[in-house]
């Protein structure tokens, strides 16, 4: 069977019209008349919400849960390409909306994606580095997004990038090496040309992607932006609510200490034991592309759930 090439697609803006739902909620809640094209900053959440507590209120609102529309044409273009590609949806949404996000993908993109990857990172500067790690870890060959600047910076080491549409703050940004498509109808032609360029052959038998809302991700990626207690709560939630038996904590560089503290917290709570620890490293290129400048350590801590005491 032919191995499928991995393609990663940004969930928000490329697949989901999150901005429209967020602006509608903002206008209704505050009696404003803001337009989507008025969001001129990459940190649009701060511009729109002002703080994390307001954003969380939006994420629990009916507008987020029921009124985020899919970008026109995305599902129709991507689903037939499963015979060539393993498809991942990538998101920087917080874990508190993981269930809602998986259900949204099942509703609007049924059987399209093999996995949804949560970046677990809310800082834009760190977001680029985290996306690079994700692309490397999952051997992504083609990355698709709608934010030209973010796409260009995060795909420096990815073979191909495709910019589909745009975001209000990125209309003047350079797409870098990305192939540009005004919408998903145009992206279809771009992706078909890449299939020819890469000489990809269709897999003989490809099944529909899994129902993502029933799939429980056993990986938690740790960053330095959140305290160890935050990740300990995520782990405990996966053990209790998602009925996971094993959780894998991933961290790199300075976040390793946070991962160890989170694992120790869960261990002290007698919710799990550490069953395995593995380490490795990768090399991050210079921004100039003139060589590998920095060795980045990585760690994986496997936690095994303890049976509840009688």
C-alpha atoms as a PDB file:
ATOM      1  CA  UNK A   1       0.000   0.000   0.000  1.00  0.00           C
ATOM      2  CA  UNK A   2       1.283   3.465  -0.897  1.00  0.00           C
ATOM      3  CA  UNK A   3       2.206   5.649   2.076  1.00  0.00           C
ATOM      4  CA  UNK A   4       0.217   8.842   2.166  1.00  0.00           C
ATOM      5  CA  UNK A   5       1.971  12.188   2.486  1.00  0.00           C
ATOM      6  CA  UNK A   6       1.047  14.213   5.578  1.00  0.00           C
ATOM      7  CA  UNK A   7      -0.740  17.526   5.163  1.00  0.00           C
ATOM      8  CA  UNK A   8      -1.598  19.800   8.111  1.00  0.00           C
ATOM      9  CA  UNK A   9      -4.389  22.368   7.885  1.00  0.00           C
ATOM     10  CA  UNK A  10      -4.964  25.204  10.341  1.00  0.00           C
ATOM     11  CA  UNK A  11      -8.404  24.824  11.880  1.00  0.00           C
ATOM     12  CA  UNK A  12      -9.275  28.441  12.536  1.00  0.00           C
ATOM     13  CA  UNK A  13      -9.517  30.764   9.537  1.00  0.00           C
ATOM     14  CA  UNK A  14      -8.625  28.052   6.991  1.00  0.00           C
ATOM     15  CA  UNK A  15     -11.414  25.643   8.007  1.00  0.00           C
ATOM     16  CA  UNK A  16     -13.558  27.502  10.552  1.00  0.00           C
ATOM     17  CA  UNK A  17     -14.873  31.057  10.355  1.00  0.00           C
ATOM     18  CA  UNK A  18     -14.095  31.728  13.998  1.00  0.00           C
ATOM     19  CA  UNK A  19     -13.628  35.474  13.539  1.00  0.00           C
ATOM     20  CA  UNK A  20     -17.178  35.962  12.287  1.00  0.00           C
ATOM     21  CA  UNK A  21     -18.650  34.136  15.283  1.00  0.00           C
ATOM     22  CA  UNK A  22     -16.401  36.003  17.721  1.00  0.00           C
ATOM     23  CA  UNK A  23     -17.278  39.407  16.273  1.00  0.00           C
ATOM     24  CA  UNK A  24     -21.002  38.565  16.276  1.00  0.00           C
ATOM     25  CA  UNK A  25     -20.777  37.617  19.957  1.00  0.00           C
ATOM     26  CA  UNK A  26     -18.781  40.772  20.729  1.00  0.00           C
ATOM     27  CA  UNK A  27     -21.341  43.013  19.023  1.00  0.00           C
ATOM     28  CA  UNK A  28     -24.317  41.314  20.637  1.00  0.00           C
ATOM     29  CA  UNK A  29     -22.802  41.269  24.116  1.00  0.00           C
ATOM     30  CA  UNK A  30     -21.450  44.824  24.126  1.00  0.00           C
ATOM     31  CA  UNK A  31     -23.959  46.428  21.737  1.00  0.00           C
ATOM     32  CA  UNK A  32     -21.177  47.275  19.316  1.00  0.00           C
ATOM     33  CA  UNK A  33     -21.028  47.385  15.531  1.00  0.00           C
ATOM     34  CA  UNK A  34     -17.545  46.005  14.889  1.00  0.00           C
ATOM     35  CA  UNK A  35     -16.684  44.508  11.511  1.00  0.00           C
ATOM     36  CA  UNK A  36     -14.439  41.493  10.986  1.00  0.00           C
ATOM     37  CA  UNK A  37     -12.108  43.497   8.749  1.00  0.00           C
ATOM     38  CA  UNK A  38     -11.488  45.863  11.685  1.00  0.00           C
ATOM     39  CA  UNK A  39      -9.419  43.151  13.398  1.00  0.00           C
ATOM     40  CA  UNK A  40      -6.048  44.482  12.307  1.00  0.00           C
ATOM     41  CA  UNK A  41      -3.799  42.782  14.866  1.00  0.00           C
ATOM     42  CA  UNK A  42      -2.474  39.239  14.791  1.00  0.00           C
ATOM     43  CA  UNK A  43      -3.314  39.087  18.492  1.00  0.00           C
ATOM     44  CA  UNK A  44      -6.986  39.537  17.593  1.00  0.00           C
ATOM     45  CA  UNK A  45      -8.143  37.879  20.797  1.00  0.00           C
ATOM     46  CA  UNK A  46      -6.688  40.686  22.886  1.00  0.00           C
ATOM     47  CA  UNK A  47      -8.136  43.302  20.530  1.00  0.00           C
ATOM     48  CA  UNK A  48     -11.583  41.725  20.673  1.00  0.00           C
ATOM     49  CA  UNK A  49     -11.826  40.253  24.168  1.00  0.00           C
ATOM     50  CA  UNK A  50      -9.280  42.211  26.186  1.00  0.00           C
ATOM     51  CA  UNK A  51      -8.569  39.314  28.526  1.00  0.00           C
ATOM     52  CA  UNK A  52      -8.689  35.556  29.004  1.00  0.00           C
ATOM     53  CA  UNK A  53     -11.814  35.672  31.188  1.00  0.00           C
ATOM     54  CA  UNK A  54     -13.852  37.382  28.449  1.00  0.00           C
ATOM     55  CA  UNK A  55     -12.510  34.979  25.829  1.00  0.00           C
ATOM     56  CA  UNK A  56     -13.543  32.022  27.991  1.00  0.00           C
ATOM     57  CA  UNK A  57     -17.055  33.485  28.239  1.00  0.00           C
ATOM     58  CA  UNK A  58     -17.209  33.549  24.441  1.00  0.00           C
ATOM     59  CA  UNK A  59     -15.935  29.967  24.238  1.00  0.00           C
ATOM     60  CA  UNK A  60     -18.823  28.861  26.451  1.00  0.00           C
ATOM     61  CA  UNK A  61     -21.397  30.852  24.469  1.00  0.00           C
ATOM     62  CA  UNK A  62     -23.936  29.563  21.914  1.00  0.00           C
ATOM     63  CA  UNK A  63     -22.159  31.585  19.222  1.00  0.00           C
ATOM     64  CA  UNK A  64     -19.036  29.482  19.653  1.00  0.00           C
ATOM     65  CA  UNK A  65     -20.773  26.176  20.251  1.00  0.00           C
ATOM     66  CA  UNK A  66     -23.325  26.413  17.437  1.00  0.00           C
ATOM     67  CA  UNK A  67     -22.603  29.322  15.116  1.00  0.00           C
ATOM     68  CA  UNK A  68     -19.060  28.849  13.827  1.00  0.00           C
ATOM     69  CA  UNK A  69     -19.471  28.195  10.114  1.00  0.00           C
ATOM     70  CA  UNK A  70     -17.094  26.149   7.991  1.00  0.00           C
ATOM     71  CA  UNK A  71     -15.091  27.927   5.301  1.00  0.00           C
ATOM     72  CA  UNK A  72     -16.857  27.337   2.001  1.00  0.00           C
ATOM     73  CA  UNK A  73     -15.523  24.493  -0.112  1.00  0.00           C
ATOM     74  CA  UNK A  74     -12.942  23.184   2.349  1.00  0.00           C
ATOM     75  CA  UNK A  75     -14.550  19.817   3.063  1.00  0.00           C
ATOM     76  CA  UNK A  76     -15.426  19.191  -0.578  1.00  0.00           C
ATOM     77  CA  UNK A  77     -11.823  19.822  -1.634  1.00  0.00           C
ATOM     78  CA  UNK A  78     -10.060  17.927   1.153  1.00  0.00           C
ATOM     79  CA  UNK A  79     -12.096  14.744   1.477  1.00  0.00           C
ATOM     80  CA  UNK A  80     -11.279  13.339  -2.005  1.00  0.00           C
ATOM     81  CA  UNK A  81      -7.588  13.953  -1.291  1.00  0.00           C
ATOM     82  CA  UNK A  82      -7.466  11.361   1.504  1.00  0.00           C
ATOM     83  CA  UNK A  83      -6.231   8.792  -1.000  1.00  0.00           C
ATOM     84  CA  UNK A  84      -3.058  10.874  -1.317  1.00  0.00           C
ATOM     85  CA  UNK A  85      -2.736  12.513   2.084  1.00  0.00           C
ATOM     86  CA  UNK A  86      -2.920  11.831   5.785  1.00  0.00           C
ATOM     87  CA  UNK A  87      -4.846  14.874   6.983  1.00  0.00           C
ATOM     88  CA  UNK A  88      -4.329  16.633  10.319  1.00  0.00           C
ATOM     89  CA  UNK A  89      -6.218  19.663  11.627  1.00  0.00           C
ATOM     90  CA  UNK A  90      -4.008  21.946  13.728  1.00  0.00           C
ATOM     91  CA  UNK A  91      -5.331  24.362  16.349  1.00  0.00           C
ATOM     92  CA  UNK A  92      -4.161  26.713  19.070  1.00  0.00           C
ATOM     93  CA  UNK A  93      -7.529  26.584  20.818  1.00  0.00           C
ATOM     94  CA  UNK A  94      -7.392  25.928  24.574  1.00  0.00           C
ATOM     95  CA  UNK A  95      -8.137  22.442  25.856  1.00  0.00           C
ATOM     96  CA  UNK A  96     -11.316  23.604  27.575  1.00  0.00           C
ATOM     97  CA  UNK A  97     -12.991  23.481  24.153  1.00  0.00           C
ATOM     98  CA  UNK A  98     -11.390  20.236  22.989  1.00  0.00           C
ATOM     99  CA  UNK A  99     -14.683  18.328  23.096  1.00  0.00           C
ATOM    100  CA  UNK A 100     -16.580  21.082  21.257  1.00  0.00           C
ATOM    101  CA  UNK A 101     -13.799  21.351  18.676  1.00  0.00           C
ATOM    102  CA  UNK A 102     -13.799  17.629  17.951  1.00  0.00           C
ATOM    103  CA  UNK A 103     -17.593  17.630  17.651  1.00  0.00           C
ATOM    104  CA  UNK A 104     -17.456  20.607  15.272  1.00  0.00           C
ATOM    105  CA  UNK A 105     -14.989  18.799  13.020  1.00  0.00           C
ATOM    106  CA  UNK A 106     -17.175  15.683  13.031  1.00  0.00           C
ATOM    107  CA  UNK A 107     -20.164  17.789  11.983  1.00  0.00           C
ATOM    108  CA  UNK A 108     -18.542  19.922   9.286  1.00  0.00           C
ATOM    109  CA  UNK A 109     -15.696  17.650   8.126  1.00  0.00           C
ATOM    110  CA  UNK A 110     -16.984  14.098   8.709  1.00  0.00           C
ATOM    111  CA  UNK A 111     -14.362  11.500   7.878  1.00  0.00           C
ATOM    112  CA  UNK A 112     -11.921  14.075   6.495  1.00  0.00           C
ATOM    113  CA  UNK A 113      -9.230  14.273   9.176  1.00  0.00           C
ATOM    114  CA  UNK A 114      -7.144  11.532  10.746  1.00  0.00           C
ATOM    115  CA  UNK A 115      -6.305  13.563  13.845  1.00  0.00           C
ATOM    116  CA  UNK A 116      -6.651  16.996  15.417  1.00  0.00           C
ATOM    117  CA  UNK A 117      -3.448  18.389  16.904  1.00  0.00           C
ATOM    118  CA  UNK A 118      -3.674  20.857  19.792  1.00  0.00           C
ATOM    119  CA  UNK A 119      -0.664  23.149  20.055  1.00  0.00           C
ATOM    120  CA  UNK A 120      -1.271  23.940  23.747  1.00  0.00           C
ATOM    121  CA  UNK A 121       0.423  27.292  23.227  1.00  0.00           C
ATOM    122  CA  UNK A 122      -1.147  30.759  23.375  1.00  0.00           C
ATOM    123  CA  UNK A 123       1.875  33.021  22.893  1.00  0.00           C
ATOM    124  CA  UNK A 124       2.293  34.049  19.247  1.00  0.00           C
ATOM    125  CA  UNK A 125       6.105  34.003  19.353  1.00  0.00           C
ATOM    126  CA  UNK A 126       6.153  30.572  20.971  1.00  0.00           C
ATOM    127  CA  UNK A 127       3.330  29.471  18.670  1.00  0.00           C
ATOM    128  CA  UNK A 128       5.663  29.544  15.681  1.00  0.00           C
ATOM    129  CA  UNK A 129       8.232  27.355  17.430  1.00  0.00           C
ATOM    130  CA  UNK A 130       5.526  24.964  18.604  1.00  0.00           C
ATOM    131  CA  UNK A 131       4.075  24.618  15.117  1.00  0.00           C
ATOM    132  CA  UNK A 132       7.545  23.866  13.791  1.00  0.00           C
ATOM    133  CA  UNK A 133       7.863  21.077  16.352  1.00  0.00           C
ATOM    134  CA  UNK A 134       4.465  19.670  15.394  1.00  0.00           C
ATOM    135  CA  UNK A 135       5.363  19.706  11.719  1.00  0.00           C
ATOM    136  CA  UNK A 136       8.627  17.916  12.457  1.00  0.00           C
ATOM    137  CA  UNK A 137       7.110  15.366  14.852  1.00  0.00           C
ATOM    138  CA  UNK A 138       4.358  14.385  12.415  1.00  0.00           C
ATOM    139  CA  UNK A 139       6.535  14.601   9.288  1.00  0.00           C
ATOM    140  CA  UNK A 140       4.322  17.209   7.645  1.00  0.00           C
ATOM    141  CA  UNK A 141       5.172  17.781   3.983  1.00  0.00           C
ATOM    142  CA  UNK A 142       2.473  20.345   3.170  1.00  0.00           C
ATOM    143  CA  UNK A 143       1.061  22.965   5.555  1.00  0.00           C
ATOM    144  CA  UNK A 144      -2.084  24.948   4.819  1.00  0.00           C
ATOM    145  CA  UNK A 145      -3.227  28.129   6.545  1.00  0.00           C
ATOM    146  CA  UNK A 146      -4.878  31.518   6.092  1.00  0.00           C
ATOM    147  CA  UNK A 147      -2.465  33.710   8.089  1.00  0.00           C
ATOM    148  CA  UNK A 148       0.341  34.572   5.655  1.00  0.00           C
ATOM    149  CA  UNK A 149       2.859  35.739   8.257  1.00  0.00           C
ATOM    150  CA  UNK A 150       2.312  32.814  10.633  1.00  0.00           C
ATOM    151  CA  UNK A 151       2.377  30.330   7.771  1.00  0.00           C
ATOM    152  CA  UNK A 152       5.610  31.732   6.354  1.00  0.00           C
ATOM    153  CA  UNK A 153       7.419  31.682   9.703  1.00  0.00           C
ATOM    154  CA  UNK A 154       6.231  28.252  10.819  1.00  0.00           C
ATOM    155  CA  UNK A 155       6.917  26.438   7.525  1.00  0.00           C
ATOM    156  CA  UNK A 156      10.551  27.396   7.016  1.00  0.00           C
ATOM    157  CA  UNK A 157      11.495  23.718   7.277  1.00  0.00           C
ATOM    158  CA  UNK A 158       8.352  22.284   5.644  1.00  0.00           C
ATOM    159  CA  UNK A 159       8.642  21.349   1.988  1.00  0.00           C
ATOM    160  CA  UNK A 160       5.464  23.077   0.804  1.00  0.00           C
ATOM    161  CA  UNK A 161       2.958  25.630   2.093  1.00  0.00           C
ATOM    162  CA  UNK A 162      -0.400  26.738   0.732  1.00  0.00           C
ATOM    163  CA  UNK A 163      -2.081  30.014   1.709  1.00  0.00           C
ATOM    164  CA  UNK A 164      -5.868  29.775   1.360  1.00  0.00           C
ATOM    165  CA  UNK A 165      -7.698  33.089   1.604  1.00  0.00           C
ATOM    166  CA  UNK A 166      -6.437  35.565   4.188  1.00  0.00           C
ATOM    167  CA  UNK A 167      -7.058  37.083   7.590  1.00  0.00           C
ATOM    168  CA  UNK A 168      -7.824  40.817   8.020  1.00  0.00           C
ATOM    169  CA  UNK A 169      -4.426  41.590   9.536  1.00  0.00           C
ATOM    170  CA  UNK A 170      -2.474  39.602   6.954  1.00  0.00           C
ATOM    171  CA  UNK A 171      -3.609  40.985   3.619  1.00  0.00           C
ATOM    172  CA  UNK A 172      -0.371  42.920   3.119  1.00  0.00           C
ATOM    173  CA  UNK A 173       1.919  40.243   4.569  1.00  0.00           C
ATOM    174  CA  UNK A 174       4.302  38.373   2.313  1.00  0.00           C
ATOM    175  CA  UNK A 175       3.304  34.738   1.770  1.00  0.00           C
ATOM    176  CA  UNK A 176       6.949  33.724   1.560  1.00  0.00           C
ATOM    177  CA  UNK A 177       7.315  30.472  -0.337  1.00  0.00           C
ATOM    178  CA  UNK A 178       3.627  29.604   0.063  1.00  0.00           C
ATOM    179  CA  UNK A 179       1.521  28.938  -2.995  1.00  0.00           C
ATOM    180  CA  UNK A 180      -1.409  31.355  -2.893  1.00  0.00           C
ATOM    181  CA  UNK A 181      -5.056  30.427  -3.427  1.00  0.00           C
ATOM    182  CA  UNK A 182      -7.874  32.941  -3.066  1.00  0.00           C
ATOM    183  CA  UNK A 183     -10.270  30.287  -1.778  1.00  0.00           C
ATOM    184  CA  UNK A 184     -10.669  26.522  -1.526  1.00  0.00           C
ATOM    185  CA  UNK A 185     -11.806  26.226  -5.136  1.00  0.00           C
ATOM    186  CA  UNK A 186      -8.456  27.673  -6.186  1.00  0.00           C
ATOM    187  CA  UNK A 187      -6.658  25.605  -3.546  1.00  0.00           C
ATOM    188  CA  UNK A 188      -7.956  22.460  -5.219  1.00  0.00           C
ATOM    189  CA  UNK A 189      -5.958  23.295  -8.339  1.00  0.00           C
ATOM    190  CA  UNK A 190      -2.876  24.127  -6.260  1.00  0.00           C
ATOM    191  CA  UNK A 191      -3.027  20.838  -4.351  1.00  0.00           C
ATOM    192  CA  UNK A 192      -3.610  18.822  -7.513  1.00  0.00           C
ATOM    193  CA  UNK A 193      -0.498  20.407  -9.038  1.00  0.00           C
ATOM    194  CA  UNK A 194       1.479  19.456  -5.923  1.00  0.00           C
ATOM    195  CA  UNK A 195       0.241  15.886  -6.268  1.00  0.00           C
ATOM    196  CA  UNK A 196       1.625  15.831  -9.802  1.00  0.00           C
ATOM    197  CA  UNK A 197       4.850  17.583  -8.810  1.00  0.00           C
ATOM    198  CA  UNK A 198       5.483  15.107  -5.987  1.00  0.00           C
ATOM    199  CA  UNK A 199       4.475  12.217  -8.232  1.00  0.00           C
ATOM    200  CA  UNK A 200       2.052  10.926  -5.611  1.00  0.00           C
ATOM    201  CA  UNK A 201       0.126   7.765  -6.293  1.00  0.00           C
ATOM    202  CA  UNK A 202      -3.286   7.122  -4.725  1.00  0.00           C
ATOM    203  CA  UNK A 203      -3.436   4.550  -1.960  1.00  0.00           C
ATOM    204  CA  UNK A 204      -5.303   1.429  -2.981  1.00  0.00           C
ATOM    205  CA  UNK A 205      -7.629   1.445   0.001  1.00  0.00           C
ATOM    206  CA  UNK A 206      -8.304   4.414   2.236  1.00  0.00           C
ATOM    207  CA  UNK A 207     -10.968   4.461   4.928  1.00  0.00           C
ATOM    208  CA  UNK A 208     -12.868   7.456   6.212  1.00  0.00           C
ATOM    209  CA  UNK A 209     -11.137   9.329   8.983  1.00  0.00           C
ATOM    210  CA  UNK A 210     -12.162   8.449  12.561  1.00  0.00           C
ATOM    211  CA  UNK A 211     -14.954  10.130  14.460  1.00  0.00           C
ATOM    212  CA  UNK A 212     -12.802  12.636  16.282  1.00  0.00           C
ATOM    213  CA  UNK A 213     -15.234  13.209  19.154  1.00  0.00           C
ATOM    214  CA  UNK A 214     -14.858   9.546  20.124  1.00  0.00           C
ATOM    215  CA  UNK A 215     -11.087   9.582  19.856  1.00  0.00           C
ATOM    216  CA  UNK A 216      -9.288  10.523  23.047  1.00  0.00           C
ATOM    217  CA  UNK A 217      -5.884  12.083  22.551  1.00  0.00           C
ATOM    218  CA  UNK A 218      -3.418  10.603  25.026  1.00  0.00           C
ATOM    219  CA  UNK A 219      -0.814  13.325  24.454  1.00  0.00           C
ATOM    220  CA  UNK A 220      -0.471  16.576  26.396  1.00  0.00           C
ATOM    221  CA  UNK A 221       2.115  19.078  25.190  1.00  0.00           C
ATOM    222  CA  UNK A 222       3.603  21.324  27.866  1.00  0.00           C
ATOM    223  CA  UNK A 223       4.790  24.892  27.340  1.00  0.00           C
ATOM    224  CA  UNK A 224       6.281  27.490  29.678  1.00  0.00           C
ATOM    225  CA  UNK A 225       3.220  29.721  29.354  1.00  0.00           C
ATOM    226  CA  UNK A 226       1.152  27.758  31.879  1.00  0.00           C
ATOM    227  CA  UNK A 227       1.985  26.503  35.394  1.00  0.00           C
ATOM    228  CA  UNK A 228       2.392  22.826  36.198  1.00  0.00           C
ATOM    229  CA  UNK A 229      -0.987  22.830  37.961  1.00  0.00           C
ATOM    230  CA  UNK A 230      -2.699  23.710  34.661  1.00  0.00           C
ATOM    231  CA  UNK A 231      -1.308  20.591  32.993  1.00  0.00           C
ATOM    232  CA  UNK A 232      -1.997  18.456  36.059  1.00  0.00           C
ATOM    233  CA  UNK A 233      -5.665  19.461  35.749  1.00  0.00           C
ATOM    234  CA  UNK A 234      -5.688  18.508  32.047  1.00  0.00           C
ATOM    235  CA  UNK A 235      -4.177  15.108  32.876  1.00  0.00           C
ATOM    236  CA  UNK A 236      -6.690  14.456  35.643  1.00  0.00           C
ATOM    237  CA  UNK A 237      -9.527  15.471  33.320  1.00  0.00           C
ATOM    238  CA  UNK A 238      -8.348  12.964  30.728  1.00  0.00           C
ATOM    239  CA  UNK A 239      -8.161  10.234  33.351  1.00  0.00           C
ATOM    240  CA  UNK A 240     -11.597  10.974  34.841  1.00  0.00           C
ATOM    241  CA  UNK A 241     -13.737  12.359  31.999  1.00  0.00           C
ATOM    242  CA  UNK A 242     -12.147  10.732  28.944  1.00  0.00           C
ATOM    243  CA  UNK A 243     -11.426   7.476  30.790  1.00  0.00           C
ATOM    244  CA  UNK A 244      -7.842   7.408  29.573  1.00  0.00           C
ATOM    245  CA  UNK A 245      -5.548   4.814  31.096  1.00  0.00           C
ATOM    246  CA  UNK A 246      -2.271   6.303  29.862  1.00  0.00           C
ATOM    247  CA  UNK A 247      -1.204   9.902  29.221  1.00  0.00           C
ATOM    248  CA  UNK A 248       1.985  11.031  27.486  1.00  0.00           C
ATOM    249  CA  UNK A 249       3.459  14.385  28.515  1.00  0.00           C
ATOM    250  CA  UNK A 250       5.618  16.027  25.835  1.00  0.00           C
ATOM    251  CA  UNK A 251       7.916  18.978  26.494  1.00  0.00           C
ATOM    252  CA  UNK A 252      11.003  20.577  25.043  1.00  0.00           C
ATOM    253  CA  UNK A 253      13.706  22.933  26.236  1.00  0.00           C
ATOM    254  CA  UNK A 254      12.612  25.139  29.165  1.00  0.00           C
ATOM    255  CA  UNK A 255       9.182  23.487  29.405  1.00  0.00           C
ATOM    256  CA  UNK A 256      10.756  20.208  30.551  1.00  0.00           C
ATOM    257  CA  UNK A 257      10.846  21.408  34.167  1.00  0.00           C
ATOM    258  CA  UNK A 258       7.129  22.250  34.009  1.00  0.00           C
ATOM    259  CA  UNK A 259       6.340  18.791  32.623  1.00  0.00           C
ATOM    260  CA  UNK A 260       8.259  17.103  35.431  1.00  0.00           C
ATOM    261  CA  UNK A 261       6.440  19.233  38.027  1.00  0.00           C
ATOM    262  CA  UNK A 262       3.050  18.384  36.462  1.00  0.00           C
ATOM    263  CA  UNK A 263       3.844  14.665  36.514  1.00  0.00           C
ATOM    264  CA  UNK A 264       4.997  14.910  40.120  1.00  0.00           C
ATOM    265  CA  UNK A 265       1.779  16.738  41.071  1.00  0.00           C
ATOM    266  CA  UNK A 266      -0.407  13.997  39.595  1.00  0.00           C
ATOM    267  CA  UNK A 267       1.782  11.374  41.242  1.00  0.00           C
ATOM    268  CA  UNK A 268       1.481  13.044  44.668  1.00  0.00           C
ATOM    269  CA  UNK A 269      -2.288  13.176  44.212  1.00  0.00           C
ATOM    270  CA  UNK A 270      -2.073   9.384  43.816  1.00  0.00           C
ATOM    271  CA  UNK A 271      -3.870   9.552  40.480  1.00  0.00           C
ATOM    272  CA  UNK A 272      -1.046   8.042  38.405  1.00  0.00           C
ATOM    273  CA  UNK A 273       2.465   6.655  38.388  1.00  0.00           C
ATOM    274  CA  UNK A 274       5.275   7.402  35.976  1.00  0.00           C
ATOM    275  CA  UNK A 275       5.668   4.284  33.849  1.00  0.00           C
ATOM    276  CA  UNK A 276       8.230   5.498  31.321  1.00  0.00           C
ATOM    277  CA  UNK A 277      10.526   8.441  30.600  1.00  0.00           C
ATOM    278  CA  UNK A 278      12.283   8.917  27.268  1.00  0.00           C
ATOM    279  CA  UNK A 279      14.445  11.738  25.957  1.00  0.00           C
ATOM    280  CA  UNK A 280      15.729  12.865  22.602  1.00  0.00           C
ATOM    281  CA  UNK A 281      16.775  16.083  20.897  1.00  0.00           C
ATOM    282  CA  UNK A 282      16.433  17.903  17.617  1.00  0.00           C
ATOM    283  CA  UNK A 283      18.338  20.730  15.986  1.00  0.00           C
ATOM    284  CA  UNK A 284      16.687  24.038  15.158  1.00  0.00           C
ATOM    285  CA  UNK A 285      18.004  25.893  12.142  1.00  0.00           C
ATOM    286  CA  UNK A 286      19.361  29.414  12.167  1.00  0.00           C
ATOM    287  CA  UNK A 287      16.853  31.984  10.969  1.00  0.00           C
ATOM    288  CA  UNK A 288      19.248  32.637   8.103  1.00  0.00           C
ATOM    289  CA  UNK A 289      18.949  28.993   7.081  1.00  0.00           C
ATOM    290  CA  UNK A 290      22.749  28.681   7.062  1.00  0.00           C
ATOM    291  CA  UNK A 291      22.921  25.677   9.348  1.00  0.00           C
ATOM    292  CA  UNK A 292      21.688  24.099  12.573  1.00  0.00           C
ATOM    293  CA  UNK A 293      22.393  26.443  15.448  1.00  0.00           C
ATOM    294  CA  UNK A 294      20.695  25.068  18.531  1.00  0.00           C
ATOM    295  CA  UNK A 295      20.227  21.625  20.012  1.00  0.00           C
ATOM    296  CA  UNK A 296      16.780  21.379  21.622  1.00  0.00           C
ATOM    297  CA  UNK A 297      16.193  18.633  24.222  1.00  0.00           C
ATOM    298  CA  UNK A 298      12.789  16.900  24.370  1.00  0.00           C
ATOM    299  CA  UNK A 299      11.200  14.617  26.926  1.00  0.00           C
ATOM    300  CA  UNK A 300       8.222  12.268  27.001  1.00  0.00           C
ATOM    301  CA  UNK A 301       6.797  11.218  30.368  1.00  0.00           C
ATOM    302  CA  UNK A 302       4.268   8.399  30.329  1.00  0.00           C
ATOM    303  CA  UNK A 303       1.756   8.369  33.168  1.00  0.00           C
ATOM    304  CA  UNK A 304      -0.260   5.265  34.024  1.00  0.00           C
ATOM    305  CA  UNK A 305      -3.589   5.792  35.767  1.00  0.00           C
ATOM    306  CA  UNK A 306      -3.953   4.286  39.232  1.00  0.00           C
ATOM    307  CA  UNK A 307      -7.101   2.397  40.100  1.00  0.00           C
ATOM    308  CA  UNK A 308      -9.444   4.325  42.382  1.00  0.00           C
ATOM    309  CA  UNK A 309      -9.243   3.289  46.008  1.00  0.00           C
ATOM    310  CA  UNK A 310     -12.260   1.458  47.354  1.00  0.00           C
END
